Protein backbone atom coordinates (compact mmCIF):
# COMPACT_ATOMS: atom_id res chain seq x y z
CA MET A 1 109.30 106.82 67.96
CA LYS A 2 105.85 106.87 66.59
CA ALA A 3 104.61 110.08 65.68
CA GLU A 4 101.27 111.45 67.12
CA ILE A 5 101.16 108.54 69.81
CA HIS A 6 101.99 110.80 72.97
CA PRO A 7 99.74 112.95 74.79
CA GLU A 8 100.12 116.80 73.86
CA ASN A 9 98.52 117.81 77.13
CA TYR A 10 101.53 117.90 79.70
CA ARG A 11 101.33 120.37 82.29
CA LEU A 12 102.33 121.03 85.64
CA VAL A 13 100.56 119.00 88.62
CA ALA A 14 100.56 119.32 92.30
CA PHE A 15 100.55 115.96 93.90
CA LYS A 16 99.30 115.87 97.53
CA ASP A 17 100.24 113.46 100.13
CA MET A 18 97.63 113.10 102.07
CA SER A 19 98.97 111.08 105.26
CA ASN A 20 101.40 113.70 105.78
CA ASP A 21 100.47 116.92 103.69
CA ASP A 22 103.64 117.05 101.34
CA VAL A 23 103.03 118.74 98.24
CA PHE A 24 105.30 117.97 94.79
CA ILE A 25 105.07 119.19 91.32
CA THR A 26 105.59 117.39 88.34
CA LYS A 27 104.38 117.26 84.47
CA SER A 28 101.60 115.01 84.07
CA THR A 29 98.23 114.40 82.11
CA VAL A 30 96.44 113.32 84.54
CA ASN A 31 92.91 115.05 84.91
CA ALA A 32 92.33 116.67 88.11
CA LYS A 33 89.06 118.55 89.62
CA GLU A 34 90.53 120.27 92.59
CA THR A 35 93.41 122.85 92.13
CA ILE A 36 96.03 124.29 94.98
CA GLU A 37 98.03 127.43 95.53
CA VAL A 38 101.82 126.60 95.83
CA GLU A 39 103.85 129.92 96.21
CA GLY A 40 101.33 131.74 94.54
CA VAL A 41 101.16 129.80 91.67
CA GLU A 42 97.57 127.53 91.30
CA TYR A 43 97.91 123.96 89.84
CA PRO A 44 95.48 121.15 89.42
CA LEU A 45 95.85 119.35 92.45
CA VAL A 46 96.08 114.99 92.38
CA LYS A 47 95.53 113.63 96.19
CA LEU A 48 98.09 110.62 96.90
CA GLU A 49 97.06 107.80 99.96
CA ILE A 50 100.97 107.45 99.67
CA SER A 51 103.96 108.52 98.22
CA ARG A 52 107.93 108.69 98.66
CA THR A 53 107.86 110.82 101.54
CA SER A 54 105.25 108.23 103.75
CA HIS A 55 106.43 104.77 102.04
CA PRO A 56 108.03 102.73 104.54
CA PHE A 57 110.59 101.77 101.61
CA TYR A 58 111.91 104.96 101.18
CA THR A 59 111.35 106.35 104.54
CA GLY A 60 113.24 103.20 106.34
CA LYS A 61 110.26 103.59 109.33
CA SER A 62 107.25 100.81 109.48
CA LYS A 63 104.35 102.80 109.39
CA LEU A 64 100.60 101.35 109.98
CA VAL A 65 97.89 102.82 108.03
CA ASP A 66 94.56 101.59 109.07
CA THR A 67 92.31 103.08 106.20
CA ALA A 68 88.50 102.24 106.49
CA GLY A 69 88.93 99.80 109.73
CA ARG A 70 90.76 97.08 108.07
CA ILE A 71 92.21 95.65 110.92
CA ASP A 72 89.26 95.92 112.86
CA LYS A 73 86.86 94.13 110.03
CA PHE A 74 90.07 91.19 110.25
CA LYS A 75 89.84 90.67 113.72
CA ASN A 76 85.84 90.81 113.63
CA LYS A 77 85.89 87.92 110.91
CA TYR A 78 88.50 85.75 112.25
CA ALA A 79 87.68 86.51 115.94
CA LYS A 80 85.22 82.83 115.97
CA PHE A 81 88.50 81.32 115.13
CA LYS A 82 90.20 82.29 118.63
CA LYS A 83 91.51 79.35 120.98
CA GLU A 84 90.99 80.34 124.27
């Protein structure tokens, strides 16, 4: 391995899945603006849209997540092509 190419600032960081409020803690170098308290210890917080606890591949459940009304935008955009 080459010396001095790896980050030095590894620390414990909390990642929170916003779709199901699952929190897991792992080492990371990611910058975080917020913090969260887990079991009496404060960690930097990174918010995730999807994680292993909510992704359909890992859960085996198909779940439709409509963020920012994407489905409605699609339907409105292609409504003029609809055959009646």
